[in-house]
Protein backbone atom coordinates (compact mmCIF):
# COMPACT_ATOMS: atom_id res chain seq x y z
CA MET A 1 -36.41 34.88 -7.57
CA ILE A 2 -34.67 32.81 -10.22
CA THR A 3 -36.31 29.56 -11.33
CA PHE A 4 -34.42 26.56 -12.70
CA THR A 5 -34.30 22.78 -12.19
CA ILE A 6 -32.11 20.49 -10.11
CA ASP A 7 -32.48 16.81 -11.03
CA GLY A 8 -35.76 17.59 -12.77
CA LYS A 9 -37.24 19.34 -9.74
CA GLU A 10 -38.19 22.99 -10.22
CA VAL A 11 -36.42 25.16 -7.62
CA GLN A 12 -36.03 28.85 -6.92
CA GLY A 13 -33.24 30.89 -5.43
CA GLN A 14 -32.22 34.46 -4.83
CA GLU A 15 -30.20 36.29 -7.44
CA ASP A 16 -26.86 36.19 -5.59
CA TRP A 17 -27.08 32.48 -4.64
CA THR A 18 -24.99 29.66 -6.07
CA VAL A 19 -26.22 26.27 -7.21
CA LEU A 20 -25.00 24.78 -3.91
CA ASP A 21 -26.90 27.41 -1.88
CA VAL A 22 -30.15 26.57 -3.66
CA ALA A 23 -29.55 22.81 -3.37
CA LYS A 24 -28.97 23.09 0.38
CA TRP A 25 -32.03 25.34 0.75
CA HIS A 26 -34.18 22.69 -0.96
CA GLY A 27 -32.59 19.72 0.87
CA ILE A 28 -30.78 18.34 -2.17
CA ASP A 29 -27.53 16.61 -1.21
CA ILE A 30 -24.36 17.67 -2.98
CA PRO A 31 -21.18 16.40 -1.25
CA THR A 32 -18.66 19.02 -0.14
CA LEU A 33 -15.34 19.11 1.66
CA CYS A 34 -14.07 22.71 1.57
CA TYR A 35 -17.50 24.31 2.01
CA HIS A 36 -18.77 25.75 5.29
CA PRO A 37 -21.77 28.09 5.58
CA ALA A 38 -19.87 30.48 7.88
CA VAL A 39 -17.25 31.41 5.27
CA GLU A 40 -17.18 32.52 1.65
CA PRO A 41 -16.86 29.68 -0.90
CA TYR A 42 -13.40 28.90 -2.19
CA GLY A 43 -13.83 26.01 -4.62
CA ALA A 44 -10.66 24.17 -3.62
CA CYS A 45 -11.78 20.56 -3.29
CA ARG A 46 -13.97 20.32 -6.42
CA LEU A 47 -16.09 17.62 -4.75
CA CYS A 48 -19.31 19.61 -5.23
CA VAL A 49 -19.24 19.21 -9.01
CA VAL A 50 -22.55 19.13 -10.85
CA GLU A 51 -23.53 19.03 -14.52
CA VAL A 52 -25.17 22.22 -15.82
CA ASP A 53 -27.05 22.47 -19.11
CA ASP A 54 -27.65 26.09 -20.09
CA GLY A 55 -29.44 25.22 -23.33
CA ARG A 56 -26.31 25.55 -25.47
CA ARG A 57 -24.07 22.96 -23.87
CA SER A 58 -23.68 20.74 -20.85
CA ARG A 59 -20.62 21.09 -18.67
CA VAL A 60 -19.23 20.08 -15.29
CA VAL A 61 -18.94 22.98 -12.83
CA ILE A 62 -18.34 23.40 -9.09
CA SER A 63 -21.67 24.17 -7.47
CA CYS A 64 -20.26 26.25 -4.58
CA MET A 65 -19.09 28.96 -7.00
CA TYR A 66 -21.49 28.66 -9.94
CA PRO A 67 -24.17 31.39 -9.91
CA ILE A 68 -27.74 30.38 -10.63
CA ARG A 69 -29.37 31.48 -13.88
CA GLU A 70 -32.91 31.39 -15.14
CA GLY A 71 -33.82 28.14 -16.90
CA ILE A 72 -30.61 26.16 -16.39
CA LYS A 73 -30.85 22.42 -15.78
CA VAL A 74 -28.62 21.07 -13.03
CA LEU A 75 -27.90 17.37 -12.58
CA THR A 76 -26.25 16.17 -9.39
CA ASP A 77 -26.17 12.40 -9.90
CA THR A 78 -25.07 11.32 -13.36
CA PRO A 79 -22.43 8.76 -14.39
CA ARG A 80 -20.21 11.64 -15.55
CA ILE A 81 -20.48 13.48 -12.21
CA ASN A 82 -20.09 10.34 -10.12
CA ASN A 83 -16.95 9.43 -12.06
CA VAL A 84 -15.41 12.86 -11.41
CA ARG A 85 -16.31 12.66 -7.72
CA ARG A 86 -14.85 9.14 -7.43
CA TRP A 87 -11.52 10.34 -8.85
CA ILE A 88 -11.47 13.33 -6.50
CA VAL A 89 -12.26 11.14 -3.49
CA GLN A 90 -9.60 8.63 -4.62
CA LEU A 91 -6.90 11.28 -4.69
CA LEU A 92 -7.97 12.81 -1.38
CA LEU A 93 -8.23 9.41 0.31
CA ASP A 94 -4.74 8.50 -0.83
CA GLU A 95 -3.44 11.63 0.89
CA SER A 96 -5.41 11.16 4.12
CA PRO A 97 -6.37 7.50 4.53
CA ALA A 98 -7.00 7.78 8.30
CA SER A 99 -9.28 10.80 8.08
CA PRO A 100 -12.83 9.90 9.19
CA LYS A 101 -14.34 12.32 6.67
CA MET A 102 -12.30 10.81 3.83
CA GLN A 103 -13.26 7.28 4.91
CA GLU A 104 -16.93 8.31 4.96
CA LEU A 105 -16.68 9.75 1.45
CA ALA A 106 -14.75 6.71 0.22
CA THR A 107 -17.46 4.40 1.50
CA LYS A 108 -20.16 6.53 -0.10
CA PHE A 109 -18.44 6.47 -3.50
CA GLY A 110 -17.05 2.92 -3.31
CA VAL A 111 -13.40 4.01 -3.31
CA THR A 112 -10.52 2.10 -1.71
CA PRO A 113 -6.94 3.30 -1.12
CA SER A 114 -4.82 2.87 -4.23
CA ARG A 115 -1.19 2.30 -5.02
CA PHE A 116 -0.62 6.07 -5.01
CA LYS A 117 -0.99 6.30 -1.22
CA LYS A 118 1.33 8.84 0.39
CA ALA A 119 3.79 6.90 2.56
CA GLY A 120 3.91 7.73 6.26
CA VAL A 121 1.05 10.26 6.18
CA ASP A 122 -2.35 9.53 7.68
CA PHE A 123 -3.84 13.03 7.93
CA ALA A 124 -2.62 15.27 5.12
CA CYS A 125 -3.78 18.82 4.54
CA HIS A 126 -5.66 19.18 1.25
CA LEU A 127 -5.20 22.98 1.21
CA CYS A 128 -8.95 23.50 1.20
CA GLY A 129 -8.36 26.75 3.08
CA LEU A 130 -11.26 26.30 5.51
CA CYS A 131 -9.01 26.96 8.50
CA VAL A 132 -7.52 30.11 6.94
CA ARG A 133 -10.91 31.45 5.89
CA ALA A 134 -12.52 30.68 9.26
CA CYS A 135 -9.66 32.36 11.11
CA HIS A 136 -9.99 35.51 8.98
CA GLU A 137 -13.74 35.70 8.39
CA VAL A 138 -15.23 34.20 11.57
CA VAL A 139 -12.67 34.79 14.31
CA GLY A 140 -11.31 38.02 12.88
CA ALA A 141 -7.70 37.02 13.46
CA GLN A 142 -5.02 36.48 10.86
CA ALA A 143 -3.14 33.70 12.56
CA LEU A 144 -3.17 31.42 9.50
CA THR A 145 -2.22 31.91 5.88
CA PHE A 146 -1.03 30.01 2.84
CA GLY A 147 2.75 29.83 2.64
CA ASN A 148 5.06 28.98 -0.25
CA ARG A 149 3.92 28.20 -3.78
CA GLY A 150 3.34 25.29 -6.08
CA LEU A 151 4.11 21.85 -4.67
CA ARG A 152 5.49 23.41 -1.47
CA LYS A 153 2.28 25.33 -0.72
CA GLU A 154 1.14 24.86 2.88
CA ILE A 155 -1.00 26.24 5.68
CA THR A 156 1.19 28.14 8.10
CA SER A 157 1.34 31.21 10.27
CA PRO A 158 2.43 34.51 8.75
CA PHE A 159 6.18 34.54 8.15
CA HIS A 160 6.39 30.86 9.27
CA THR A 161 6.72 31.83 12.96
CA GLY A 162 4.45 31.18 15.93
CA SER A 163 1.55 33.57 15.53
CA LYS A 164 0.79 36.18 18.17
CA GLU A 165 -2.60 36.60 16.49
CA CYS A 166 -3.68 33.05 17.41
CA LEU A 167 -6.35 33.09 20.12
CA SER A 168 -6.19 29.29 20.59
CA CYS A 169 -9.95 29.27 19.98
CA GLY A 170 -9.87 25.96 18.09
CA THR A 171 -11.98 27.17 15.16
CA CYS A 172 -9.38 25.91 12.71
CA LEU A 173 -9.44 22.50 14.38
CA TYR A 174 -13.22 22.37 14.26
CA VAL A 175 -13.59 23.18 10.56
CA CYS A 176 -10.70 21.04 9.28
CA PRO A 177 -12.29 18.18 7.30
CA THR A 178 -9.25 15.87 7.41
CA GLY A 179 -7.83 16.25 10.92
CA ALA A 180 -4.54 17.58 9.54
CA MET A 181 -4.93 20.86 11.43
CA GLU A 182 -4.40 19.04 14.73
CA GLN A 183 -0.84 18.30 13.61
CA LEU A 184 -0.28 21.85 12.40
CA PHE A 185 -1.86 23.61 15.41
CA ASP A 186 1.15 23.17 17.71
CA LYS A 187 3.43 24.57 15.00
CA VAL A 188 1.15 27.51 14.12
CA GLY A 189 -0.22 28.47 17.54
CA ALA A 190 1.46 30.89 19.89
């Protein structure tokens, strides 16, 4: 077992665990959006940021991907971390203002929609990849994938055609944190 501290509390975790795994195990709240225990971490949303002091320097890292190390000091609620999280929530809220999850996070962090709001879009996909990962890792199908690159990147079916792999199980709908998958499901499904 590896021993370190989270917010001054001494905690332990197994060698292959991340900071987020240990925090969840010990009941310490770290907000997440693209994380789900059924799939491998991806680190897309960056909402799970924490401050880690390894004795040489302190830096902001994403807790879902950062491996635990002996003696590190993790802080989950500092002005620096809360500022980063507020900016992340602001950007995500502006893309999906009608999403219940985004509204919940906005309330928690005191964020209101800004002037950068995307016009005509209430439930935008944040490309967190939860639906793609759940389809591959949990369902065992490959009905979803990332398509295009850069600013045109999107969640789609392979080759942008209705997928014969789709089982219509609804896993992608269930794990989607913004509700955007409901709009994409008709386009992607068989």
